[in-house]
Amino acid sequence: MKRNILLIILLIVAGHCISFAQSAKKRVLVFSKTVSYHHASIPAGIAAIKKLGTENDFEVDTTTNSALFNDDNLKKYAAVIFMSPSGNVLDTAAKISFIRYIQAGGGYMGIHAASTTDKNWAWYGKLVGAVFTDHPAPQTGVVVVTDRKNSSTKQLPARWTRKDEWYNFRQVPTDVHVLMTVDERTYKGGKHGGYHPLAWYHEYDGGRSFYTAIGHFSDSYSDTLQLQHLLAGIKYAMGNNVVLDYNKVKTQPYEK
């Protein structure tokens, strides 16, 4: 009898542990609102991230609704992924909540047109690491991997030839760890000379940020090399987050 009772208790405890593990599974929010240029590759990018989530045990929600940028909703996510949004996509209230989310330890990942978003919002530009200005016509160029040991680039060849939309920025990023650059000698229209970063990561204002400019075309999101690059970026952005710590949020005025 005692053995049966003990077995029942163990089963109940095990059930609670399983339930907790399931509820503690990391979750990301993919945000893809566009109010200016809309990349045709967005659906392919979203589908790829969902597939990566299924294969790597994290959950994926998607939205174009900026009203979901509020404390109650954002605190559910280990990372927020900007999948090529464009234009001024967040109002003041949403911006304040996003700042609070990052300060609480949240993660951010920006893909391609994420650097074109809210270009006059200084805090966001610093979060991304650089602000888009323009690009030449899509063409073939050569990516140079500058960090061959990072999990987001170690699968890539040292010089990776591919066709993409090569972004120019207001200024090259500083205070970030650059993962790869593009060789401007291999295409026309680059404006940064011998040092043109394309992907990087850094810690910023209490959270983590990973950005990659690669991803203009839909077939980028069926490219095994690109998918490994994205997965490592998502994992970096998520970090160890399950529950965010809003006690770390600073009380400061909203920075435009």
C-alpha atoms as a PDB file:
ATOM      1  CA  MET A   1       0.000   0.000   0.000  1.00  0.00           C
ATOM      2  CA  LYS A   2       2.765   2.412   0.976  1.00  0.00           C
ATOM      3  CA  ARG A   3       4.634   1.500  -2.181  1.00  0.00           C
ATOM      4  CA  ASN A   4       1.564   2.338  -4.296  1.00  0.00           C
ATOM      5  CA  ILE A   5       1.129   5.688  -2.541  1.00  0.00           C
ATOM      6  CA  LEU A   6       4.794   6.489  -3.088  1.00  0.00           C
ATOM      7  CA  LEU A   7       4.478   5.580  -6.758  1.00  0.00           C
ATOM      8  CA  ILE A   8       1.437   7.854  -7.142  1.00  0.00           C
ATOM      9  CA  ILE A   9       3.337  10.740  -5.500  1.00  0.00           C
ATOM     10  CA  LEU A  10       6.310  10.209  -7.797  1.00  0.00           C
ATOM     11  CA  LEU A  11       4.030  10.196 -10.845  1.00  0.00           C
ATOM     12  CA  ILE A  12       2.363  13.425  -9.719  1.00  0.00           C
ATOM     13  CA  VAL A  13       5.740  15.110  -9.154  1.00  0.00           C
ATOM     14  CA  ALA A  14       6.991  13.878 -12.527  1.00  0.00           C
ATOM     15  CA  GLY A  15       3.851  15.230 -14.185  1.00  0.00           C
ATOM     16  CA  HIS A  16       4.400  18.642 -12.622  1.00  0.00           C
ATOM     17  CA  CYS A  17       8.031  18.622 -13.760  1.00  0.00           C
ATOM     18  CA  ILE A  18       7.010  17.777 -17.322  1.00  0.00           C
ATOM     19  CA  SER A  19       4.322  20.454 -17.251  1.00  0.00           C
ATOM     20  CA  PHE A  20       6.826  23.034 -15.980  1.00  0.00           C
ATOM     21  CA  ALA A  21       9.368  22.062 -18.631  1.00  0.00           C
ATOM     22  CA  GLN A  22       6.722  22.451 -21.335  1.00  0.00           C
ATOM     23  CA  SER A  23       5.562  25.811 -19.999  1.00  0.00           C
ATOM     24  CA  ALA A  24       9.173  26.968 -19.718  1.00  0.00           C
ATOM     25  CA  LYS A  25       9.939  26.269 -23.399  1.00  0.00           C
ATOM     26  CA  LYS A  26      11.460  29.357 -24.979  1.00  0.00           C
ATOM     27  CA  ARG A  27       9.244  31.386 -27.287  1.00  0.00           C
ATOM     28  CA  VAL A  28      10.070  34.031 -29.895  1.00  0.00           C
ATOM     29  CA  LEU A  29       7.907  36.661 -31.556  1.00  0.00           C
ATOM     30  CA  VAL A  30       8.479  37.299 -35.271  1.00  0.00           C
ATOM     31  CA  PHE A  31       7.433  40.841 -36.200  1.00  0.00           C
ATOM     32  CA  SER A  32       7.078  41.731 -39.885  1.00  0.00           C
ATOM     33  CA  LYS A  33       4.968  44.877 -40.178  1.00  0.00           C
ATOM     34  CA  THR A  34       5.748  46.971 -43.269  1.00  0.00           C
ATOM     35  CA  VAL A  35       4.586  50.501 -43.962  1.00  0.00           C
ATOM     36  CA  SER A  36       6.982  51.219 -46.817  1.00  0.00           C
ATOM     37  CA  TYR A  37       8.790  48.607 -48.941  1.00  0.00           C
ATOM     38  CA  HIS A  38       7.459  45.077 -48.483  1.00  0.00           C
ATOM     39  CA  HIS A  39       9.966  42.298 -49.123  1.00  0.00           C
ATOM     40  CA  ALA A  40       8.469  39.362 -51.019  1.00  0.00           C
ATOM     41  CA  SER A  41      10.772  37.082 -48.998  1.00  0.00           C
ATOM     42  CA  ILE A  42       8.983  37.747 -45.674  1.00  0.00           C
ATOM     43  CA  PRO A  43       6.656  34.696 -45.867  1.00  0.00           C
ATOM     44  CA  ALA A  44       9.607  32.443 -46.690  1.00  0.00           C
ATOM     45  CA  GLY A  45      11.546  33.895 -43.775  1.00  0.00           C
ATOM     46  CA  ILE A  46       8.661  33.342 -41.356  1.00  0.00           C
ATOM     47  CA  ALA A  47       8.187  29.764 -42.573  1.00  0.00           C
ATOM     48  CA  ALA A  48      11.906  29.091 -42.124  1.00  0.00           C
ATOM     49  CA  ILE A  49      11.908  30.412 -38.546  1.00  0.00           C
ATOM     50  CA  LYS A  50       8.857  28.305 -37.700  1.00  0.00           C
ATOM     51  CA  LYS A  51      10.640  25.242 -39.073  1.00  0.00           C
ATOM     52  CA  LEU A  52      13.766  26.070 -37.064  1.00  0.00           C
ATOM     53  CA  GLY A  53      11.594  26.368 -33.957  1.00  0.00           C
ATOM     54  CA  THR A  54      10.018  22.950 -34.528  1.00  0.00           C
ATOM     55  CA  GLU A  55      13.410  21.363 -35.095  1.00  0.00           C
ATOM     56  CA  ASN A  56      15.145  23.104 -32.194  1.00  0.00           C
ATOM     57  CA  ASP A  57      12.515  23.108 -29.460  1.00  0.00           C
ATOM     58  CA  PHE A  58      11.430  26.738 -29.300  1.00  0.00           C
ATOM     59  CA  GLU A  59       7.992  28.139 -30.045  1.00  0.00           C
ATOM     60  CA  VAL A  60       7.299  30.792 -32.660  1.00  0.00           C
ATOM     61  CA  ASP A  61       4.533  33.394 -32.726  1.00  0.00           C
ATOM     62  CA  THR A  62       4.171  35.822 -35.637  1.00  0.00           C
ATOM     63  CA  THR A  63       2.525  39.220 -35.941  1.00  0.00           C
ATOM     64  CA  THR A  64       2.277  42.454 -37.890  1.00  0.00           C
ATOM     65  CA  ASN A  65       0.364  44.077 -35.031  1.00  0.00           C
ATOM     66  CA  SER A  66       2.490  46.659 -33.222  1.00  0.00           C
ATOM     67  CA  ALA A  67      -0.095  46.854 -30.420  1.00  0.00           C
ATOM     68  CA  LEU A  68       1.379  43.572 -29.158  1.00  0.00           C
ATOM     69  CA  PHE A  69       4.448  45.538 -28.093  1.00  0.00           C
ATOM     70  CA  ASN A  70       3.300  45.970 -24.500  1.00  0.00           C
ATOM     71  CA  ASP A  71       4.760  44.714 -21.217  1.00  0.00           C
ATOM     72  CA  ASP A  72       2.249  41.931 -20.640  1.00  0.00           C
ATOM     73  CA  ASN A  73       2.772  40.419 -24.069  1.00  0.00           C
ATOM     74  CA  LEU A  74       6.501  40.977 -24.603  1.00  0.00           C
ATOM     75  CA  LYS A  75       7.477  39.413 -21.283  1.00  0.00           C
ATOM     76  CA  LYS A  76       6.426  36.027 -22.737  1.00  0.00           C
ATOM     77  CA  TYR A  77       9.252  36.031 -25.258  1.00  0.00           C
ATOM     78  CA  ALA A  78      12.916  35.115 -24.971  1.00  0.00           C
ATOM     79  CA  ALA A  79      13.548  37.135 -28.145  1.00  0.00           C
ATOM     80  CA  VAL A  80      11.788  39.341 -30.667  1.00  0.00           C
ATOM     81  CA  ILE A  81      12.785  38.830 -34.307  1.00  0.00           C
ATOM     82  CA  PHE A  82      12.296  41.701 -36.760  1.00  0.00           C
ATOM     83  CA  MET A  83      11.731  39.882 -40.061  1.00  0.00           C
ATOM     84  CA  SER A  84      12.338  42.676 -42.627  1.00  0.00           C
ATOM     85  CA  PRO A  85       9.822  45.205 -41.265  1.00  0.00           C
ATOM     86  CA  SER A  86      10.011  48.664 -42.825  1.00  0.00           C
ATOM     87  CA  GLY A  87       9.078  52.242 -42.035  1.00  0.00           C
ATOM     88  CA  ASN A  88       7.889  53.662 -38.726  1.00  0.00           C
ATOM     89  CA  VAL A  89       6.190  50.587 -37.315  1.00  0.00           C
ATOM     90  CA  LEU A  90       5.937  51.356 -33.575  1.00  0.00           C
ATOM     91  CA  ASP A  91       4.094  54.184 -31.858  1.00  0.00           C
ATOM     92  CA  THR A  92       5.414  55.852 -28.694  1.00  0.00           C
ATOM     93  CA  ALA A  93       3.742  53.438 -26.272  1.00  0.00           C
ATOM     94  CA  ALA A  94       5.066  50.431 -28.183  1.00  0.00           C
ATOM     95  CA  LYS A  95       8.563  51.929 -28.263  1.00  0.00           C
ATOM     96  CA  ILE A  96       8.554  52.448 -24.493  1.00  0.00           C
ATOM     97  CA  SER A  97       7.482  48.837 -23.924  1.00  0.00           C
ATOM     98  CA  PHE A  98      10.159  47.570 -26.306  1.00  0.00           C
ATOM     99  CA  ILE A  99      12.832  49.565 -24.481  1.00  0.00           C
ATOM    100  CA  ARG A 100      11.611  48.121 -21.192  1.00  0.00           C
ATOM    101  CA  TYR A 101      11.682  44.625 -22.678  1.00  0.00           C
ATOM    102  CA  ILE A 102      15.328  44.947 -23.752  1.00  0.00           C
ATOM    103  CA  GLN A 103      16.298  46.502 -20.415  1.00  0.00           C
ATOM    104  CA  ALA A 104      14.664  43.549 -18.655  1.00  0.00           C
ATOM    105  CA  GLY A 105      17.095  41.246 -20.480  1.00  0.00           C
ATOM    106  CA  GLY A 106      15.124  40.554 -23.639  1.00  0.00           C
ATOM    107  CA  GLY A 107      16.731  39.541 -26.917  1.00  0.00           C
ATOM    108  CA  TYR A 108      16.480  41.119 -30.352  1.00  0.00           C
ATOM    109  CA  MET A 109      17.319  39.735 -33.770  1.00  0.00           C
ATOM    110  CA  GLY A 110      17.119  41.883 -36.884  1.00  0.00           C
ATOM    111  CA  ILE A 111      17.010  40.356 -40.355  1.00  0.00           C
ATOM    112  CA  HIS A 112      17.755  42.320 -43.542  1.00  0.00           C
ATOM    113  CA  ALA A 113      15.311  45.276 -43.679  1.00  0.00           C
ATOM    114  CA  ALA A 114      15.203  45.501 -39.873  1.00  0.00           C
ATOM    115  CA  SER A 115      17.887  48.178 -40.252  1.00  0.00           C
ATOM    116  CA  THR A 116      15.494  50.263 -42.424  1.00  0.00           C
ATOM    117  CA  THR A 117      12.913  50.423 -39.625  1.00  0.00           C
ATOM    118  CA  ASP A 118      12.252  53.598 -37.586  1.00  0.00           C
ATOM    119  CA  LYS A 119      15.409  55.143 -39.018  1.00  0.00           C
ATOM    120  CA  ASN A 120      15.107  58.298 -36.904  1.00  0.00           C
ATOM    121  CA  TRP A 121      14.722  56.452 -33.594  1.00  0.00           C
ATOM    122  CA  ALA A 122      18.202  56.756 -32.071  1.00  0.00           C
ATOM    123  CA  TRP A 123      17.768  54.033 -29.417  1.00  0.00           C
ATOM    124  CA  TYR A 124      16.638  51.483 -31.989  1.00  0.00           C
ATOM    125  CA  GLY A 125      19.485  52.350 -34.340  1.00  0.00           C
ATOM    126  CA  LYS A 126      21.927  51.635 -31.521  1.00  0.00           C
ATOM    127  CA  LEU A 127      20.123  48.376 -30.731  1.00  0.00           C
ATOM    128  CA  VAL A 128      20.444  47.192 -34.352  1.00  0.00           C
ATOM    129  CA  GLY A 129      24.001  48.515 -34.601  1.00  0.00           C
ATOM    130  CA  ALA A 130      23.662  50.439 -37.885  1.00  0.00           C
ATOM    131  CA  VAL A 131      21.003  52.302 -39.860  1.00  0.00           C
ATOM    132  CA  PHE A 132      20.299  51.596 -43.538  1.00  0.00           C
ATOM    133  CA  THR A 133      20.716  54.361 -46.117  1.00  0.00           C
ATOM    134  CA  ASP A 134      20.516  52.756 -49.572  1.00  0.00           C
ATOM    135  CA  HIS A 135      21.551  49.828 -51.740  1.00  0.00           C
ATOM    136  CA  PRO A 136      22.551  49.147 -55.335  1.00  0.00           C
ATOM    137  CA  ALA A 137      20.581  46.715 -57.496  1.00  0.00           C
ATOM    138  CA  PRO A 138      20.738  43.144 -56.186  1.00  0.00           C
ATOM    139  CA  GLN A 139      23.772  41.379 -57.602  1.00  0.00           C
ATOM    140  CA  THR A 140      26.341  38.705 -56.881  1.00  0.00           C
ATOM    141  CA  GLY A 141      29.062  39.592 -54.381  1.00  0.00           C
ATOM    142  CA  VAL A 142      31.459  37.865 -52.021  1.00  0.00           C
ATOM    143  CA  VAL A 143      30.881  37.681 -48.268  1.00  0.00           C
ATOM    144  CA  VAL A 144      34.061  37.508 -46.196  1.00  0.00           C
ATOM    145  CA  VAL A 145      33.732  35.582 -42.928  1.00  0.00           C
ATOM    146  CA  THR A 146      35.760  37.451 -40.293  1.00  0.00           C
ATOM    147  CA  ASP A 147      34.933  35.106 -37.389  1.00  0.00           C
ATOM    148  CA  ARG A 148      35.390  31.471 -38.388  1.00  0.00           C
ATOM    149  CA  LYS A 149      34.693  30.127 -34.876  1.00  0.00           C
ATOM    150  CA  ASN A 150      31.278  31.607 -34.120  1.00  0.00           C
ATOM    151  CA  SER A 151      28.348  29.189 -34.374  1.00  0.00           C
ATOM    152  CA  SER A 152      26.594  31.498 -36.849  1.00  0.00           C
ATOM    153  CA  THR A 153      29.461  31.510 -39.345  1.00  0.00           C
ATOM    154  CA  LYS A 154      31.677  28.463 -38.743  1.00  0.00           C
ATOM    155  CA  GLN A 155      29.708  26.496 -41.366  1.00  0.00           C
ATOM    156  CA  LEU A 156      30.399  29.127 -44.044  1.00  0.00           C
ATOM    157  CA  PRO A 157      33.291  29.173 -46.483  1.00  0.00           C
ATOM    158  CA  ALA A 158      35.894  31.863 -45.825  1.00  0.00           C
ATOM    159  CA  ARG A 159      34.639  33.628 -48.956  1.00  0.00           C
ATOM    160  CA  TRP A 160      30.958  33.009 -49.626  1.00  0.00           C
ATOM    161  CA  THR A 161      29.723  33.971 -53.102  1.00  0.00           C
ATOM    162  CA  ARG A 162      26.015  34.760 -53.224  1.00  0.00           C
ATOM    163  CA  LYS A 163      23.446  37.110 -54.736  1.00  0.00           C
ATOM    164  CA  ASP A 164      21.788  39.555 -52.361  1.00  0.00           C
ATOM    165  CA  GLU A 165      20.810  43.166 -51.811  1.00  0.00           C
ATOM    166  CA  TRP A 166      23.934  44.751 -50.348  1.00  0.00           C
ATOM    167  CA  TYR A 167      22.966  47.404 -47.810  1.00  0.00           C
ATOM    168  CA  ASN A 168      24.896  50.603 -47.178  1.00  0.00           C
ATOM    169  CA  PHE A 169      24.614  52.238 -43.744  1.00  0.00           C
ATOM    170  CA  ARG A 170      24.879  55.722 -42.266  1.00  0.00           C
ATOM    171  CA  GLN A 171      28.064  54.546 -40.657  1.00  0.00           C
ATOM    172  CA  VAL A 172      29.663  51.175 -40.071  1.00  0.00           C
ATOM    173  CA  PRO A 173      28.773  49.701 -36.687  1.00  0.00           C
ATOM    174  CA  THR A 174      31.043  50.189 -33.688  1.00  0.00           C
ATOM    175  CA  ASP A 175      31.081  48.443 -30.304  1.00  0.00           C
ATOM    176  CA  VAL A 176      29.790  45.243 -31.908  1.00  0.00           C
ATOM    177  CA  HIS A 177      31.387  41.893 -32.712  1.00  0.00           C
ATOM    178  CA  VAL A 178      31.460  41.699 -36.516  1.00  0.00           C
ATOM    179  CA  LEU A 179      30.958  38.222 -37.978  1.00  0.00           C
ATOM    180  CA  MET A 180      31.212  38.897 -41.687  1.00  0.00           C
ATOM    181  CA  THR A 181      31.753  41.677 -44.200  1.00  0.00           C
ATOM    182  CA  VAL A 182      31.197  42.043 -47.947  1.00  0.00           C
ATOM    183  CA  ASP A 183      34.056  42.601 -50.370  1.00  0.00           C
ATOM    184  CA  GLU A 184      33.063  45.769 -52.243  1.00  0.00           C
ATOM    185  CA  ARG A 185      35.526  44.899 -55.018  1.00  0.00           C
ATOM    186  CA  THR A 186      33.213  42.038 -56.056  1.00  0.00           C
ATOM    187  CA  TYR A 187      30.125  44.139 -56.841  1.00  0.00           C
ATOM    188  CA  LYS A 188      29.109  47.675 -57.770  1.00  0.00           C
ATOM    189  CA  GLY A 189      27.528  50.222 -55.420  1.00  0.00           C
ATOM    190  CA  GLY A 190      29.246  49.704 -52.071  1.00  0.00           C
ATOM    191  CA  LYS A 191      30.025  52.858 -50.070  1.00  0.00           C
ATOM    192  CA  HIS A 192      32.176  51.704 -47.159  1.00  0.00           C
ATOM    193  CA  GLY A 193      35.400  50.806 -48.904  1.00  0.00           C
ATOM    194  CA  GLY A 194      37.591  48.110 -47.432  1.00  0.00           C
ATOM    195  CA  TYR A 195      35.471  47.474 -44.341  1.00  0.00           C
ATOM    196  CA  HIS A 196      31.764  46.830 -44.931  1.00  0.00           C
ATOM    197  CA  PRO A 197      30.198  44.766 -42.081  1.00  0.00           C
ATOM    198  CA  LEU A 198      27.116  42.658 -42.858  1.00  0.00           C
ATOM    199  CA  ALA A 199      26.410  40.705 -39.659  1.00  0.00           C
ATOM    200  CA  TRP A 200      27.269  41.256 -36.014  1.00  0.00           C
ATOM    201  CA  TYR A 201      26.098  40.891 -32.429  1.00  0.00           C
ATOM    202  CA  HIS A 202      26.439  42.836 -29.191  1.00  0.00           C
ATOM    203  CA  GLU A 203      24.934  43.437 -25.761  1.00  0.00           C
ATOM    204  CA  TYR A 204      22.927  46.623 -25.532  1.00  0.00           C
ATOM    205  CA  ASP A 205      21.007  48.383 -22.750  1.00  0.00           C
ATOM    206  CA  GLY A 206      20.556  45.212 -20.702  1.00  0.00           C
ATOM    207  CA  GLY A 207      19.678  42.858 -23.562  1.00  0.00           C
ATOM    208  CA  ARG A 208      21.268  41.145 -26.563  1.00  0.00           C
ATOM    209  CA  SER A 209      21.147  42.035 -30.246  1.00  0.00           C
ATOM    210  CA  PHE A 210      22.060  40.064 -33.367  1.00  0.00           C
ATOM    211  CA  TYR A 211      21.727  41.561 -36.853  1.00  0.00           C
ATOM    212  CA  THR A 212      22.293  40.128 -40.326  1.00  0.00           C
ATOM    213  CA  ALA A 213      21.825  42.082 -43.544  1.00  0.00           C
ATOM    214  CA  ILE A 214      21.642  38.855 -45.573  1.00  0.00           C
ATOM    215  CA  GLY A 215      18.167  37.759 -46.689  1.00  0.00           C
ATOM    216  CA  HIS A 216      16.668  39.767 -49.545  1.00  0.00           C
ATOM    217  CA  PHE A 217      15.587  36.800 -51.669  1.00  0.00           C
ATOM    218  CA  SER A 218      13.119  34.064 -50.739  1.00  0.00           C
ATOM    219  CA  ASP A 219      15.587  31.319 -51.607  1.00  0.00           C
ATOM    220  CA  SER A 220      17.840  32.578 -48.809  1.00  0.00           C
ATOM    221  CA  TYR A 221      15.452  30.843 -46.417  1.00  0.00           C
ATOM    222  CA  SER A 222      15.893  27.426 -47.983  1.00  0.00           C
ATOM    223  CA  ASP A 223      19.697  27.735 -48.059  1.00  0.00           C
ATOM    224  CA  THR A 224      21.151  25.398 -45.426  1.00  0.00           C
ATOM    225  CA  LEU A 225      24.115  27.714 -44.781  1.00  0.00           C
ATOM    226  CA  GLN A 226      21.846  30.721 -44.279  1.00  0.00           C
ATOM    227  CA  LEU A 227      19.488  28.750 -42.015  1.00  0.00           C
ATOM    228  CA  GLN A 228      22.378  27.731 -39.765  1.00  0.00           C
ATOM    229  CA  HIS A 229      23.423  31.377 -39.653  1.00  0.00           C
ATOM    230  CA  LEU A 230      19.903  32.435 -38.630  1.00  0.00           C
ATOM    231  CA  LEU A 231      19.501  29.681 -36.049  1.00  0.00           C
ATOM    232  CA  ALA A 232      22.694  30.655 -34.254  1.00  0.00           C
ATOM    233  CA  GLY A 233      21.550  34.283 -34.251  1.00  0.00           C
ATOM    234  CA  ILE A 234      18.183  33.325 -32.760  1.00  0.00           C
ATOM    235  CA  LYS A 235      19.885  31.241 -30.070  1.00  0.00           C
ATOM    236  CA  TYR A 236      22.167  34.145 -29.183  1.00  0.00           C
ATOM    237  CA  ALA A 237      19.210  36.532 -28.968  1.00  0.00           C
ATOM    238  CA  MET A 238      17.218  34.128 -26.786  1.00  0.00           C
ATOM    239  CA  GLY A 239      20.146  33.525 -24.436  1.00  0.00           C
ATOM    240  CA  ASN A 240      19.000  31.810 -21.262  1.00  0.00           C
ATOM    241  CA  ASN A 241      15.716  33.691 -21.169  1.00  0.00           C
ATOM    242  CA  VAL A 242      12.599  32.009 -19.904  1.00  0.00           C
ATOM    243  CA  VAL A 243      11.347  34.674 -17.502  1.00  0.00           C
ATOM    244  CA  LEU A 244      12.519  38.277 -17.874  1.00  0.00           C
ATOM    245  CA  ASP A 245      13.544  40.425 -14.924  1.00  0.00           C
ATOM    246  CA  TYR A 246      11.624  43.692 -15.082  1.00  0.00           C
ATOM    247  CA  ASN A 247      13.259  44.734 -11.811  1.00  0.00           C
ATOM    248  CA  LYS A 248      16.272  45.664 -13.948  1.00  0.00           C
ATOM    249  CA  VAL A 249      14.296  48.184 -16.008  1.00  0.00           C
ATOM    250  CA  LYS A 250      15.602  51.705 -15.653  1.00  0.00           C
ATOM    251  CA  THR A 251      13.285  54.606 -14.977  1.00  0.00           C
ATOM    252  CA  GLN A 252      14.205  57.094 -17.642  1.00  0.00           C
ATOM    253  CA  PRO A 253      12.384  59.258 -20.152  1.00  0.00           C
ATOM    254  CA  TYR A 254      11.597  57.824 -23.565  1.00  0.00           C
ATOM    255  CA  GLU A 255      14.395  58.493 -26.023  1.00  0.00           C
ATOM    256  CA  LYS A 256      13.185  59.431 -29.480  1.00  0.00           C
END
